[in-house]
Amino acid sequence: MTTVLGGVALDHDPIWIDEFNQEIYPGTSYVALDGTENMYVGFRMGHFSITLEATEKTGWLSRTTVDALIEMARVRDASYTLSRNGADCTVRFRHEVSGGPIQMELLAPTAFPEDDTWYYGKIFLMCTG
């Protein structure tokens, strides 16, 4: 399998950690004066979080890949195609996440990382369609 974001192949397929943690029917409810419960529910279509995680054990990304992702994230209001497991989704980087949309650490700390140095961390995206 290959995960591709905006034409950039993610080296070792990071894990989609919040795939099944989505609110399908977001809504609110309240109890009326007569004791009945009133619910307002909608079906969420297309907009959901995608958090891709590379851990210390799997899904590593090279510095070249991380640099390419950072450049993509710098483009204001840009959307990209995320291809994963044969399915495509239009996504944007989630800049509203504390710490930014790309949070990476060196797999093996080094003072002078090179293009083939490995990183692990998270990529925060939002499916927009």
Protein backbone atom coordinates (compact mmCIF):
# COMPACT_ATOMS: atom_id res chain seq x y z
CA MET A 1 0.00 0.00 0.00
CA THR A 2 1.09 3.54 -0.57
CA THR A 3 -0.19 6.73 0.99
CA VAL A 4 0.20 9.77 -1.28
CA LEU A 5 -0.57 13.34 -0.21
CA GLY A 6 -0.61 15.96 -2.94
CA GLY A 7 1.74 13.90 -5.11
CA VAL A 8 4.19 13.20 -2.25
CA ALA A 9 4.46 9.50 -1.41
CA LEU A 10 4.68 9.04 2.35
CA ASP A 11 7.62 6.68 2.75
CA HIS A 12 6.23 4.02 5.08
CA ASP A 13 2.44 4.53 5.27
CA PRO A 14 1.73 6.30 8.57
CA ILE A 15 -1.24 4.99 10.58
CA TRP A 16 -4.61 6.82 10.41
CA ILE A 17 -5.12 6.95 14.17
CA ASP A 18 -8.54 8.65 14.34
CA GLU A 19 -10.24 6.81 11.47
CA PHE A 20 -13.03 5.47 13.68
CA ASN A 21 -13.21 8.37 16.18
CA GLN A 22 -15.47 10.57 14.09
CA GLU A 23 -18.84 12.03 15.04
CA ILE A 24 -21.16 10.65 12.37
CA TYR A 25 -24.29 12.30 13.73
CA PRO A 26 -23.25 15.46 15.59
CA GLY A 27 -26.08 17.11 17.42
CA THR A 28 -27.47 18.54 20.59
CA SER A 29 -30.34 17.64 22.87
CA TYR A 30 -32.26 19.28 25.69
CA VAL A 31 -35.09 18.37 28.05
CA ALA A 32 -38.24 20.45 27.59
CA LEU A 33 -40.38 21.76 30.44
CA ASP A 34 -42.78 18.83 30.02
CA GLY A 35 -39.87 16.37 30.48
CA THR A 36 -39.56 15.24 26.87
CA GLU A 37 -36.15 15.09 25.26
CA ASN A 38 -35.69 17.06 22.06
CA MET A 39 -32.78 16.20 19.80
CA TYR A 40 -31.32 18.03 16.85
CA VAL A 41 -29.12 15.71 14.83
CA GLY A 42 -27.41 16.15 11.51
CA PHE A 43 -25.37 13.80 9.36
CA ARG A 44 -21.79 14.89 8.84
CA MET A 45 -20.82 14.60 5.21
CA GLY A 46 -17.26 14.90 4.03
CA HIS A 47 -15.68 16.94 6.82
CA PHE A 48 -13.70 14.87 9.29
CA SER A 49 -10.24 14.76 10.83
CA ILE A 50 -7.47 12.63 9.45
CA THR A 51 -4.47 12.30 11.75
CA LEU A 52 -1.64 10.30 10.23
CA GLU A 53 0.93 9.06 12.73
CA ALA A 54 4.39 7.67 12.21
CA THR A 55 5.61 6.04 15.42
CA GLU A 56 9.06 5.04 16.59
CA LYS A 57 8.26 1.55 15.28
CA THR A 58 6.45 2.16 11.99
CA GLY A 59 5.52 4.74 9.36
CA TRP A 60 8.77 6.72 9.36
CA LEU A 61 9.17 9.66 7.02
CA SER A 62 12.41 10.87 5.46
CA ARG A 63 13.58 14.43 5.87
CA THR A 64 12.96 14.96 2.15
CA THR A 65 9.31 13.93 2.61
CA VAL A 66 8.87 16.03 5.76
CA ASP A 67 10.36 19.08 4.00
CA ALA A 68 7.95 18.57 1.06
CA LEU A 69 4.97 18.34 3.43
CA ILE A 70 6.04 21.50 5.26
CA GLU A 71 6.24 23.36 1.94
CA MET A 72 2.75 22.14 1.03
CA ALA A 73 1.40 23.24 4.44
CA ARG A 74 2.81 26.74 3.88
CA VAL A 75 0.50 27.33 0.91
CA ARG A 76 -2.43 29.34 2.21
CA ASP A 77 -5.92 27.82 1.73
CA ALA A 78 -4.56 24.94 -0.34
CA SER A 79 -6.32 21.62 -0.79
CA TYR A 80 -4.62 18.37 -1.75
CA THR A 81 -5.65 14.87 -2.71
CA LEU A 82 -4.92 12.18 -0.13
CA SER A 83 -4.80 8.72 -1.71
CA ARG A 84 -4.83 5.83 0.71
CA ASN A 85 -5.89 2.21 0.28
CA GLY A 86 -7.27 2.97 -3.18
CA ALA A 87 -9.54 5.76 -1.91
CA ASP A 88 -9.10 9.49 -2.56
CA CYS A 89 -10.14 12.39 -0.34
CA THR A 90 -9.62 16.13 -0.70
CA VAL A 91 -7.84 17.44 2.40
CA ARG A 92 -6.36 20.58 3.89
CA PHE A 93 -3.74 20.93 6.61
CA ARG A 94 -5.24 21.63 10.05
CA HIS A 95 -3.36 24.80 11.02
CA GLU A 96 -5.72 25.28 13.97
CA VAL A 97 -4.09 22.35 15.82
CA SER A 98 -1.85 23.47 18.68
CA GLY A 99 1.73 22.94 17.54
CA GLY A 100 0.87 23.13 13.84
CA PRO A 101 -0.27 20.63 11.22
CA ILE A 102 3.05 18.77 10.98
CA GLN A 103 4.73 17.69 14.20
CA MET A 104 7.84 15.55 13.70
CA GLU A 105 10.80 14.36 15.75
CA LEU A 106 14.07 12.75 14.74
CA LEU A 107 14.03 8.96 15.00
CA ALA A 108 17.71 8.95 15.92
CA PRO A 109 18.84 12.39 17.14
CA THR A 110 21.64 13.87 15.11
CA ALA A 111 23.15 17.35 14.94
CA PHE A 112 23.18 17.37 11.14
CA PRO A 113 20.18 15.55 9.64
CA GLU A 114 20.48 14.65 5.97
CA ASP A 115 17.82 14.02 3.31
CA ASP A 116 17.57 10.32 4.23
CA THR A 117 17.32 10.92 8.00
CA TRP A 118 14.12 9.36 9.43
CA TYR A 119 11.42 11.19 11.38
CA TYR A 120 8.29 10.16 13.25
CA GLY A 121 5.31 12.20 14.42
CA LYS A 122 1.88 13.35 13.28
CA ILE A 123 0.31 15.01 10.26
CA PHE A 124 -3.02 16.72 11.00
CA LEU A 125 -5.44 16.95 8.06
CA MET A 126 -9.13 17.69 7.51
CA CYS A 127 -11.11 15.92 4.78
CA THR A 128 -13.11 18.59 2.98
CA GLY A 129 -14.79 16.49 0.33
